[in-house]
């Protein structure tokens, strides 16, 4: 199992409580998956990219990434609840929604 798949599975298959740090890793992993999709509007900034180029990721990771992001946006999400500034929360949700949209 790749590190990306592990990060996504940890959130997608978690019980009712999901750690905010795990959720942040899942969002980053989902963004890397989405950035490889042809025509995707998800761009990874140079400072956030892995040091080594990623191999072509299997399309099966898209469904897992979608599931993880739905969990991250859900009512039980520590990450979603943790925003103090509502304008920052809105911007964050829009970015996660962009990744989700790119994943199909």
PDB file of N, CA and C in Angstrom:
ATOM      1  N   UNK A   1       0.853  -1.178   0.000  1.00  0.00           N
ATOM      2  CA  UNK A   1       0.000   0.000   0.000  1.00  0.00           C
ATOM      3  C   UNK A   1       0.897   1.238   0.000  1.00  0.00           C
ATOM      4  N   UNK A   2       0.583   2.192  -0.850  1.00  0.00           N
ATOM      5  CA  UNK A   2       1.362   3.421  -0.913  1.00  0.00           C
ATOM      6  C   UNK A   2       1.011   4.333   0.261  1.00  0.00           C
ATOM      7  N   UNK A   3       1.868   5.303   0.504  1.00  0.00           N
ATOM      8  CA  UNK A   3       1.606   6.276   1.569  1.00  0.00           C
ATOM      9  C   UNK A   3       0.334   7.061   1.279  1.00  0.00           C
ATOM     10  N   UNK A   4       0.098   7.388   0.007  1.00  0.00           N
ATOM     11  CA  UNK A   4      -1.128   8.117  -0.359  1.00  0.00           C
ATOM     12  C   UNK A   4      -2.360   7.273  -0.048  1.00  0.00           C
ATOM     13  N   UNK A   5      -2.328   6.030  -0.456  1.00  0.00           N
ATOM     14  CA  UNK A   5      -3.463   5.152  -0.194  1.00  0.00           C
ATOM     15  C   UNK A   5      -3.672   4.980   1.307  1.00  0.00           C
ATOM     16  N   UNK A   6      -2.590   4.841   2.054  1.00  0.00           N
ATOM     17  CA  UNK A   6      -2.695   4.699   3.507  1.00  0.00           C
ATOM     18  C   UNK A   6      -3.333   5.910   4.160  1.00  0.00           C
ATOM     19  N   UNK A   7      -2.936   7.109   3.722  1.00  0.00           N
ATOM     20  CA  UNK A   7      -3.505   8.338   4.284  1.00  0.00           C
ATOM     21  C   UNK A   7      -4.999   8.437   3.982  1.00  0.00           C
ATOM     22  N   UNK A   8      -5.380   8.045   2.780  1.00  0.00           N
ATOM     23  CA  UNK A   8      -6.799   8.100   2.391  1.00  0.00           C
ATOM     24  C   UNK A   8      -7.606   7.042   3.146  1.00  0.00           C
ATOM     25  N   UNK A   9      -7.060   5.832   3.245  1.00  0.00           N
ATOM     26  CA  UNK A   9      -7.772   4.749   3.944  1.00  0.00           C
ATOM     27  C   UNK A   9      -7.970   5.055   5.423  1.00  0.00           C
ATOM     28  N   UNK A  10      -6.979   5.668   6.035  1.00  0.00           N
ATOM     29  CA  UNK A  10      -7.055   5.970   7.459  1.00  0.00           C
ATOM     30  C   UNK A  10      -8.297   6.815   7.766  1.00  0.00           C
ATOM     31  N   UNK A  11      -8.640   7.725   6.876  1.00  0.00           N
ATOM     32  CA  UNK A  11      -9.814   8.585   7.073  1.00  0.00           C
ATOM     33  C   UNK A  11     -11.071   7.914   6.537  1.00  0.00           C
ATOM     34  N   UNK A  12     -10.987   7.346   5.358  1.00  0.00           N
ATOM     35  CA  UNK A  12     -12.172   6.737   4.736  1.00  0.00           C
ATOM     36  C   UNK A  12     -12.734   5.595   5.567  1.00  0.00           C
ATOM     37  N   UNK A  13     -11.855   4.851   6.232  1.00  0.00           N
ATOM     38  CA  UNK A  13     -12.284   3.666   6.965  1.00  0.00           C
ATOM     39  C   UNK A  13     -12.286   3.862   8.480  1.00  0.00           C
ATOM     40  N   UNK A  14     -12.117   5.106   8.922  1.00  0.00           N
ATOM     41  CA  UNK A  14     -12.093   5.388  10.362  1.00  0.00           C
ATOM     42  C   UNK A  14     -13.486   5.220  10.961  1.00  0.00           C
ATOM     43  N   UNK A  15     -13.506   5.047  12.254  1.00  0.00           N
ATOM     44  CA  UNK A  15     -14.785   4.978  12.969  1.00  0.00           C
ATOM     45  C   UNK A  15     -15.426   6.359  13.029  1.00  0.00           C
ATOM     46  N   UNK A  16     -16.147   6.613  14.084  1.00  0.00           N
ATOM     47  CA  UNK A  16     -16.867   7.882  14.180  1.00  0.00           C
ATOM     48  C   UNK A  16     -15.949   9.061  14.452  1.00  0.00           C
ATOM     49  N   UNK A  17     -14.826   8.826  15.121  1.00  0.00           N
ATOM     50  CA  UNK A  17     -13.901   9.922  15.413  1.00  0.00           C
ATOM     51  C   UNK A  17     -12.695   9.824  14.481  1.00  0.00           C
ATOM     52  N   UNK A  18     -12.396  10.944  13.835  1.00  0.00           N
ATOM     53  CA  UNK A  18     -11.249  10.990  12.933  1.00  0.00           C
ATOM     54  C   UNK A  18     -10.313  12.089  13.418  1.00  0.00           C
ATOM     55  N   UNK A  19      -9.064  11.793  13.532  1.00  0.00           N
ATOM     56  CA  UNK A  19      -8.066  12.755  13.962  1.00  0.00           C
ATOM     57  C   UNK A  19      -7.873  13.838  12.904  1.00  0.00           C
ATOM     58  N   UNK A  20      -7.813  15.105  13.347  1.00  0.00           N
ATOM     59  CA  UNK A  20      -7.639  16.222  12.421  1.00  0.00           C
ATOM     60  C   UNK A  20      -6.355  16.148  11.620  1.00  0.00           C
ATOM     61  N   UNK A  21      -5.283  15.641  12.230  1.00  0.00           N
ATOM     62  CA  UNK A  21      -4.027  15.486  11.495  1.00  0.00           C
ATOM     63  C   UNK A  21      -4.141  14.464  10.383  1.00  0.00           C
ATOM     64  N   UNK A  22      -4.854  13.382  10.649  1.00  0.00           N
ATOM     65  CA  UNK A  22      -5.089  12.372   9.619  1.00  0.00           C
ATOM     66  C   UNK A  22      -5.936  12.959   8.494  1.00  0.00           C
ATOM     67  N   UNK A  23      -6.899  13.787   8.865  1.00  0.00           N
ATOM     68  CA  UNK A  23      -7.746  14.422   7.848  1.00  0.00           C
ATOM     69  C   UNK A  23      -6.928  15.355   6.959  1.00  0.00           C
ATOM     70  N   UNK A  24      -6.021  16.115   7.549  1.00  0.00           N
ATOM     71  CA  UNK A  24      -5.172  17.016   6.770  1.00  0.00           C
ATOM     72  C   UNK A  24      -4.306  16.224   5.786  1.00  0.00           C
ATOM     73  N   UNK A  25      -3.779  15.090   6.241  1.00  0.00           N
ATOM     74  CA  UNK A  25      -2.988  14.234   5.347  1.00  0.00           C
ATOM     75  C   UNK A  25      -3.844  13.685   4.216  1.00  0.00           C
ATOM     76  N   UNK A  26      -5.084  13.329   4.513  1.00  0.00           N
ATOM     77  CA  UNK A  26      -5.984  12.799   3.480  1.00  0.00           C
ATOM     78  C   UNK A  26      -6.318  13.869   2.443  1.00  0.00           C
ATOM     79  N   UNK A  27      -6.503  15.111   2.883  1.00  0.00           N
ATOM     80  CA  UNK A  27      -6.771  16.199   1.933  1.00  0.00           C
ATOM     81  C   UNK A  27      -5.566  16.389   1.015  1.00  0.00           C
ATOM     82  N   UNK A  28      -4.373  16.365   1.581  1.00  0.00           N
ATOM     83  CA  UNK A  28      -3.161  16.512   0.770  1.00  0.00           C
ATOM     84  C   UNK A  28      -3.020  15.353  -0.218  1.00  0.00           C
ATOM     85  N   UNK A  29      -3.278  14.141   0.246  1.00  0.00           N
ATOM     86  CA  UNK A  29      -3.195  12.968  -0.636  1.00  0.00           C
ATOM     87  C   UNK A  29      -4.226  13.065  -1.757  1.00  0.00           C
ATOM     88  N   UNK A  30      -5.441  13.465  -1.416  1.00  0.00           N
ATOM     89  CA  UNK A  30      -6.495  13.604  -2.426  1.00  0.00           C
ATOM     90  C   UNK A  30      -6.122  14.662  -3.454  1.00  0.00           C
ATOM     91  N   UNK A  31      -5.491  15.741  -3.005  1.00  0.00           N
ATOM     92  CA  UNK A  31      -5.063  16.786  -3.938  1.00  0.00           C
ATOM     93  C   UNK A  31      -4.024  16.250  -4.911  1.00  0.00           C
ATOM     94  N   UNK A  32      -3.097  15.428  -4.434  1.00  0.00           N
ATOM     95  CA  UNK A  32      -2.093  14.834  -5.321  1.00  0.00           C
ATOM     96  C   UNK A  32      -2.739  13.900  -6.341  1.00  0.00           C
ATOM     97  N   UNK A  33      -3.739  13.148  -5.908  1.00  0.00           N
ATOM     98  CA  UNK A  33      -4.462  12.260  -6.831  1.00  0.00           C
ATOM     99  C   UNK A  33      -5.190  13.107  -7.873  1.00  0.00           C
ATOM    100  N   UNK A  34      -5.901  14.130  -7.413  1.00  0.00           N
ATOM    101  CA  UNK A  34      -6.694  14.972  -8.322  1.00  0.00           C
ATOM    102  C   UNK A  34      -5.821  15.741  -9.304  1.00  0.00           C
ATOM    103  N   UNK A  35      -4.639  16.151  -8.871  1.00  0.00           N
ATOM    104  CA  UNK A  35      -3.752  16.928  -9.741  1.00  0.00           C
ATOM    105  C   UNK A  35      -3.283  16.126 -10.949  1.00  0.00           C
ATOM    106  N   UNK A  36      -3.314  14.804 -10.868  1.00  0.00           N
ATOM    107  CA  UNK A  36      -2.877  13.964 -11.994  1.00  0.00           C
ATOM    108  C   UNK A  36      -3.970  13.735 -13.033  1.00  0.00           C
ATOM    109  N   UNK A  37      -5.190  14.108 -12.720  1.00  0.00           N
ATOM    110  CA  UNK A  37      -6.296  13.859 -13.644  1.00  0.00           C
ATOM    111  C   UNK A  37      -6.213  14.870 -14.786  1.00  0.00           C
ATOM    112  N   UNK A  38      -6.222  14.410 -16.035  1.00  0.00           N
ATOM    113  CA  UNK A  38      -6.165  15.339 -17.166  1.00  0.00           C
ATOM    114  C   UNK A  38      -7.303  16.361 -17.094  1.00  0.00           C
ATOM    115  N   UNK A  39      -6.958  17.624 -17.273  1.00  0.00           N
ATOM    116  CA  UNK A  39      -7.942  18.700 -17.247  1.00  0.00           C
ATOM    117  C   UNK A  39      -8.299  19.181 -15.846  1.00  0.00           C
ATOM    118  N   UNK A  40      -7.665  18.621 -14.836  1.00  0.00           N
ATOM    119  CA  UNK A  40      -7.948  19.001 -13.450  1.00  0.00           C
ATOM    120  C   UNK A  40      -7.521  20.436 -13.191  1.00  0.00           C
ATOM    121  N   UNK A  41      -8.307  21.137 -12.387  1.00  0.00           N
ATOM    122  CA  UNK A  41      -7.963  22.506 -11.987  1.00  0.00           C
ATOM    123  C   UNK A  41      -7.207  22.526 -10.659  1.00  0.00           C
ATOM    124  N   UNK A  42      -6.886  21.350 -10.144  1.00  0.00           N
ATOM    125  CA  UNK A  42      -6.134  21.258  -8.897  1.00  0.00           C
ATOM    126  C   UNK A  42      -4.652  21.370  -9.242  1.00  0.00           C
ATOM    127  N   UNK A  43      -4.011  22.379  -8.674  1.00  0.00           N
ATOM    128  CA  UNK A  43      -2.581  22.583  -8.898  1.00  0.00           C
ATOM    129  C   UNK A  43      -1.859  22.495  -7.560  1.00  0.00           C
ATOM    130  N   UNK A  44      -0.746  21.833  -7.554  1.00  0.00           N
ATOM    131  CA  UNK A  44       0.059  21.693  -6.346  1.00  0.00           C
ATOM    132  C   UNK A  44       1.220  22.678  -6.457  1.00  0.00           C
ATOM    133  N   UNK A  45       1.345  23.549  -5.464  1.00  0.00           N
ATOM    134  CA  UNK A  45       2.423  24.537  -5.503  1.00  0.00           C
ATOM    135  C   UNK A  45       3.771  23.829  -5.364  1.00  0.00           C
ATOM    136  N   UNK A  46       4.812  24.400  -5.934  1.00  0.00           N
ATOM    137  CA  UNK A  46       6.129  23.753  -5.914  1.00  0.00           C
ATOM    138  C   UNK A  46       6.616  23.402  -4.506  1.00  0.00           C
ATOM    139  N   UNK A  47       6.339  24.243  -3.527  1.00  0.00           N
ATOM    140  CA  UNK A  47       6.818  23.946  -2.169  1.00  0.00           C
ATOM    141  C   UNK A  47       6.028  22.831  -1.490  1.00  0.00           C
ATOM    142  N   UNK A  48       4.855  22.484  -2.032  1.00  0.00           N
ATOM    143  CA  UNK A  48       4.034  21.415  -1.460  1.00  0.00           C
ATOM    144  C   UNK A  48       4.164  20.090  -2.204  1.00  0.00           C
ATOM    145  N   UNK A  49       4.877  20.089  -3.319  1.00  0.00           N
ATOM    146  CA  UNK A  49       5.051  18.859  -4.092  1.00  0.00           C
ATOM    147  C   UNK A  49       6.066  17.944  -3.430  1.00  0.00           C
ATOM    148  N   UNK A  50       5.912  16.642  -3.652  1.00  0.00           N
ATOM    149  CA  UNK A  50       6.946  15.711  -3.166  1.00  0.00           C
ATOM    150  C   UNK A  50       8.272  15.991  -3.870  1.00  0.00           C
ATOM    151  N   UNK A  51       9.363  15.632  -3.222  1.00  0.00           N
ATOM    152  CA  UNK A  51      10.691  15.853  -3.812  1.00  0.00           C
ATOM    153  C   UNK A  51      10.873  15.068  -5.109  1.00  0.00           C
ATOM    154  N   UNK A  52      10.333  13.870  -5.144  1.00  0.00           N
ATOM    155  CA  UNK A  52      10.430  13.011  -6.324  1.00  0.00           C
ATOM    156  C   UNK A  52       9.107  13.044  -7.077  1.00  0.00           C
ATOM    157  N   UNK A  53       9.148  13.015  -8.411  1.00  0.00           N
ATOM    158  CA  UNK A  53       7.895  12.964  -9.165  1.00  0.00           C
ATOM    159  C   UNK A  53       7.096  11.710  -8.808  1.00  0.00           C
ATOM    160  N   UNK A  54       5.794  11.860  -8.746  1.00  0.00           N
ATOM    161  CA  UNK A  54       4.933  10.712  -8.458  1.00  0.00           C
ATOM    162  C   UNK A  54       4.746   9.874  -9.711  1.00  0.00           C
ATOM    163  N   UNK A  55       4.689   8.571  -9.546  1.00  0.00           N
ATOM    164  CA  UNK A  55       4.325   7.740 -10.697  1.00  0.00           C
ATOM    165  C   UNK A  55       2.847   7.976 -11.008  1.00  0.00           C
ATOM    166  N   UNK A  56       2.419   7.512 -12.150  1.00  0.00           N
ATOM    167  CA  UNK A  56       0.991   7.610 -12.463  1.00  0.00           C
ATOM    168  C   UNK A  56       0.222   6.808 -11.423  1.00  0.00           C
ATOM    169  N   UNK A  57      -0.712   7.470 -10.761  1.00  0.00           N
ATOM    170  CA  UNK A  57      -1.475   6.818  -9.691  1.00  0.00           C
ATOM    171  C   UNK A  57      -2.644   6.038 -10.273  1.00  0.00           C
ATOM    172  N   UNK A  58      -3.012   4.928  -9.651  1.00  0.00           N
ATOM    173  CA  UNK A  58      -4.137   4.140 -10.164  1.00  0.00           C
ATOM    174  C   UNK A  58      -5.449   4.905 -10.031  1.00  0.00           C
ATOM    175  N   UNK A  59      -6.296   4.760 -11.015  1.00  0.00           N
ATOM    176  CA  UNK A  59      -7.603   5.437 -11.008  1.00  0.00           C
ATOM    177  C   UNK A  59      -8.445   4.998  -9.807  1.00  0.00           C
ATOM    178  N   UNK A  60      -8.172   3.821  -9.263  1.00  0.00           N
ATOM    179  CA  UNK A  60      -8.938   3.328  -8.117  1.00  0.00           C
ATOM    180  C   UNK A  60      -8.782   4.227  -6.888  1.00  0.00           C
ATOM    181  N   UNK A  61      -7.719   5.008  -6.830  1.00  0.00           N
ATOM    182  CA  UNK A  61      -7.532   5.914  -5.697  1.00  0.00           C
ATOM    183  C   UNK A  61      -8.542   7.063  -5.709  1.00  0.00           C
ATOM    184  N   UNK A  62      -9.115   7.346  -6.860  1.00  0.00           N
ATOM    185  CA  UNK A  62     -10.080   8.451  -6.942  1.00  0.00           C
ATOM    186  C   UNK A  62     -11.286   8.208  -6.055  1.00  0.00           C
ATOM    187  N   UNK A  63     -11.843   7.012  -6.102  1.00  0.00           N
ATOM    188  CA  UNK A  63     -13.019   6.701  -5.288  1.00  0.00           C
ATOM    189  C   UNK A  63     -12.676   6.761  -3.803  1.00  0.00           C
ATOM    190  N   UNK A  64     -11.520   6.246  -3.442  1.00  0.00           N
ATOM    191  CA  UNK A  64     -11.086   6.287  -2.056  1.00  0.00           C
ATOM    192  C   UNK A  64     -10.876   7.737  -1.603  1.00  0.00           C
ATOM    193  N   UNK A  65     -10.297   8.553  -2.470  1.00  0.00           N
ATOM    194  CA  UNK A  65     -10.082   9.972  -2.152  1.00  0.00           C
ATOM    195  C   UNK A  65     -11.411  10.699  -1.987  1.00  0.00           C
ATOM    196  N   UNK A  66     -12.381  10.398  -2.841  1.00  0.00           N
ATOM    197  CA  UNK A  66     -13.712  11.029  -2.713  1.00  0.00           C
ATOM    198  C   UNK A  66     -14.341  10.674  -1.367  1.00  0.00           C
ATOM    199  N   UNK A  67     -14.267   9.410  -1.001  1.00  0.00           N
ATOM    200  CA  UNK A  67     -14.840   8.971   0.269  1.00  0.00           C
ATOM    201  C   UNK A  67     -14.162   9.680   1.443  1.00  0.00           C
ATOM    202  N   UNK A  68     -12.844   9.758   1.406  1.00  0.00           N
ATOM    203  CA  UNK A  68     -12.108  10.432   2.482  1.00  0.00           C
ATOM    204  C   UNK A  68     -12.502  11.906   2.570  1.00  0.00           C
ATOM    205  N   UNK A  69     -12.628  12.580   1.436  1.00  0.00           N
ATOM    206  CA  UNK A  69     -12.986  13.999   1.465  1.00  0.00           C
ATOM    207  C   UNK A  69     -14.408  14.216   1.960  1.00  0.00           C
ATOM    208  N   UNK A  70     -15.316  13.321   1.630  1.00  0.00           N
ATOM    209  CA  UNK A  70     -16.679  13.437   2.171  1.00  0.00           C
ATOM    210  C   UNK A  70     -16.642  13.337   3.695  1.00  0.00           C
ATOM    211  N   UNK A  71     -15.793  12.459   4.216  1.00  0.00           N
ATOM    212  CA  UNK A  71     -15.650  12.334   5.674  1.00  0.00           C
ATOM    213  C   UNK A  71     -15.059  13.613   6.268  1.00  0.00           C
ATOM    214  N   UNK A  72     -14.068  14.187   5.580  1.00  0.00           N
ATOM    215  CA  UNK A  72     -13.418  15.413   6.050  1.00  0.00           C
ATOM    216  C   UNK A  72     -14.404  16.585   6.084  1.00  0.00           C
ATOM    217  N   UNK A  73     -15.329  16.604   5.163  1.00  0.00           N
ATOM    218  CA  UNK A  73     -16.316  17.691   5.111  1.00  0.00           C
ATOM    219  C   UNK A  73     -17.531  17.429   6.002  1.00  0.00           C
ATOM    220  N   UNK A  74     -17.604  16.251   6.603  1.00  0.00           N
ATOM    221  CA  UNK A  74     -18.760  15.852   7.390  1.00  0.00           C
ATOM    222  C   UNK A  74     -18.838  16.510   8.758  1.00  0.00           C
ATOM    223  N   UNK A  75     -19.946  16.274   9.415  1.00  0.00           N
ATOM    224  CA  UNK A  75     -20.231  16.865  10.723  1.00  0.00           C
ATOM    225  C   UNK A  75     -19.285  16.402  11.819  1.00  0.00           C
ATOM    226  N   UNK A  76     -18.722  15.213  11.682  1.00  0.00           N
ATOM    227  CA  UNK A  76     -17.837  14.664  12.711  1.00  0.00           C
ATOM    228  C   UNK A  76     -16.375  15.065  12.523  1.00  0.00           C
ATOM    229  N   UNK A  77     -16.097  15.837  11.495  1.00  0.00           N
ATOM    230  CA  UNK A  77     -14.718  16.173  11.157  1.00  0.00           C
ATOM    231  C   UNK A  77     -14.104  17.174  12.131  1.00  0.00           C
ATOM    232  N   UNK A  78     -12.986  16.788  12.753  1.00  0.00           N
ATOM    233  CA  UNK A  78     -12.237  17.708  13.611  1.00  0.00           C
ATOM    234  C   UNK A  78     -11.653  18.844  12.789  1.00  0.00           C
ATOM    235  N   UNK A  79     -11.179  18.521  11.615  1.00  0.00           N
ATOM    236  CA  UNK A  79     -10.560  19.528  10.760  1.00  0.00           C
ATOM    237  C   UNK A  79     -11.568  20.587  10.343  1.00  0.00           C
ATOM    238  N   UNK A  80     -12.755  20.161   9.947  1.00  0.00           N
ATOM    239  CA  UNK A  80     -13.789  21.109   9.525  1.00  0.00           C
ATOM    240  C   UNK A  80     -14.279  21.961  10.691  1.00  0.00           C
ATOM    241  N   UNK A  81     -14.333  21.387  11.880  1.00  0.00           N
ATOM    242  CA  UNK A  81     -14.801  22.124  13.060  1.00  0.00           C
ATOM    243  C   UNK A  81     -13.747  23.062  13.623  1.00  0.00           C
ATOM    244  N   UNK A  82     -12.496  22.855  13.265  1.00  0.00           N
ATOM    245  CA  UNK A  82     -11.398  23.577  13.888  1.00  0.00           C
ATOM    246  C   UNK A  82     -11.178  25.002  13.419  1.00  0.00           C
ATOM    247  N   UNK A  83     -11.896  25.447  12.423  1.00  0.00           N
ATOM    248  CA  UNK A  83     -11.674  26.794  11.908  1.00  0.00           C
ATOM    249  C   UNK A  83     -12.294  27.832  12.837  1.00  0.00           C
ATOM    250  N   UNK A  84     -11.492  28.816  13.222  1.00  0.00           N
ATOM    251  CA  UNK A  84     -11.971  29.889  14.089  1.00  0.00           C
ATOM    252  C   UNK A  84     -12.569  31.003  13.244  1.00  0.00           C
ATOM    253  N   UNK A  85     -11.898  31.359  12.185  1.00  0.00           N
ATOM    254  CA  UNK A  85     -12.340  32.439  11.298  1.00  0.00           C
ATOM    255  C   UNK A  85     -13.242  31.843  10.221  1.00  0.00           C
ATOM    256  N   UNK A  86     -14.480  32.304  10.175  1.00  0.00           N
ATOM    257  CA  UNK A  86     -15.435  31.716   9.224  1.00  0.00           C
ATOM    258  C   UNK A  86     -15.056  31.975   7.773  1.00  0.00           C
ATOM    259  N   UNK A  87     -14.385  33.092   7.487  1.00  0.00           N
ATOM    260  CA  UNK A  87     -13.976  33.333   6.097  1.00  0.00           C
ATOM    261  C   UNK A  87     -12.891  32.339   5.683  1.00  0.00           C
ATOM    262  N   UNK A  88     -11.983  32.000   6.611  1.00  0.00           N
ATOM    263  CA  UNK A  88     -10.973  30.983   6.317  1.00  0.00           C
ATOM    264  C   UNK A  88     -11.624  29.621   6.128  1.00  0.00           C
ATOM    265  N   UNK A  89     -12.628  29.335   6.951  1.00  0.00           N
ATOM    266  CA  UNK A  89     -13.346  28.064   6.844  1.00  0.00           C
ATOM    267  C   UNK A  89     -14.031  27.954   5.493  1.00  0.00           C
ATOM    268  N   UNK A  90     -14.626  29.033   5.035  1.00  0.00           N
ATOM    269  CA  UNK A  90     -15.297  29.037   3.732  1.00  0.00           C
ATOM    270  C   UNK A  90     -14.297  28.794   2.612  1.00  0.00           C
ATOM    271  N   UNK A  91     -13.162  29.461   2.675  1.00  0.00           N
ATOM    272  CA  UNK A  91     -12.126  29.279   1.649  1.00  0.00           C
ATOM    273  C   UNK A  91     -11.603  27.839   1.663  1.00  0.00           C
ATOM    274  N   UNK A  92     -11.374  27.292   2.856  1.00  0.00           N
ATOM    275  CA  UNK A  92     -10.893  25.916   2.976  1.00  0.00           C
ATOM    276  C   UNK A  92     -11.910  24.942   2.379  1.00  0.00           C
ATOM    277  N   UNK A  93     -13.188  25.105   2.721  1.00  0.00           N
ATOM    278  CA  UNK A  93     -14.238  24.225   2.181  1.00  0.00           C
ATOM    279  C   UNK A  93     -14.280  24.307   0.658  1.00  0.00           C
ATOM    280  N   UNK A  94     -14.130  25.512   0.107  1.00  0.00           N
ATOM    281  CA  UNK A  94     -14.138  25.669  -1.348  1.00  0.00           C
ATOM    282  C   UNK A  94     -12.963  24.932  -1.987  1.00  0.00           C
ATOM    283  N   UNK A  95     -11.804  24.992  -1.351  1.00  0.00           N
ATOM    284  CA  UNK A  95     -10.638  24.287  -1.884  1.00  0.00           C
ATOM    285  C   UNK A  95     -10.849  22.772  -1.838  1.00  0.00           C
ATOM    286  N   UNK A  96     -11.407  22.273  -0.745  1.00  0.00           N
ATOM    287  CA  UNK A  96     -11.671  20.839  -0.643  1.00  0.00           C
ATOM    288  C   UNK A  96     -12.738  20.430  -1.660  1.00  0.00           C
ATOM    289  N   UNK A  97     -13.749  21.262  -1.848  1.00  0.00           N
ATOM    290  CA  UNK A  97     -14.783  20.987  -2.843  1.00  0.00           C
ATOM    291  C   UNK A  97     -14.198  20.958  -4.264  1.00  0.00           C
ATOM    292  N   UNK A  98     -13.233  21.832  -4.544  1.00  0.00           N
ATOM    293  CA  UNK A  98     -12.558  21.838  -5.852  1.00  0.00           C
ATOM    294  C   UNK A  98     -11.852  20.514  -6.087  1.00  0.00           C
ATOM    295  N   UNK A  99     -11.167  20.021  -5.065  1.00  0.00           N
ATOM    296  CA  UNK A  99     -10.483  18.721  -5.178  1.00  0.00           C
ATOM    297  C   UNK A  99     -11.518  17.622  -5.405  1.00  0.00           C
ATOM    298  N   UNK A 100     -12.587  17.655  -4.627  1.00  0.00           N
ATOM    299  CA  UNK A 100     -13.651  16.660  -4.747  1.00  0.00           C
ATOM    300  C   UNK A 100     -14.256  16.682  -6.148  1.00  0.00           C
ATOM    301  N   UNK A 101     -14.496  17.872  -6.676  1.00  0.00           N
ATOM    302  CA  UNK A 101     -15.060  17.995  -8.021  1.00  0.00           C
ATOM    303  C   UNK A 101     -14.107  17.407  -9.077  1.00  0.00           C
ATOM    304  N   UNK A 102     -12.821  17.677  -8.920  1.00  0.00           N
ATOM    305  CA  UNK A 102     -11.832  17.154  -9.878  1.00  0.00           C
ATOM    306  C   UNK A 102     -11.775  15.627  -9.854  1.00  0.00           C
ATOM    307  N   UNK A 103     -12.059  15.055  -8.692  1.00  0.00           N
ATOM    308  CA  UNK A 103     -12.026  13.595  -8.558  1.00  0.00           C
ATOM    309  C   UNK A 103     -13.237  12.928  -9.203  1.00  0.00           C
ATOM    310  N   UNK A 104     -14.221  13.731  -9.600  1.00  0.00           N
ATOM    311  CA  UNK A 104     -15.393  13.185 -10.290  1.00  0.00           C
ATOM    312  C   UNK A 104     -16.547  13.007  -9.422  1.00  0.00           C
TER     313      UNK A 104
END
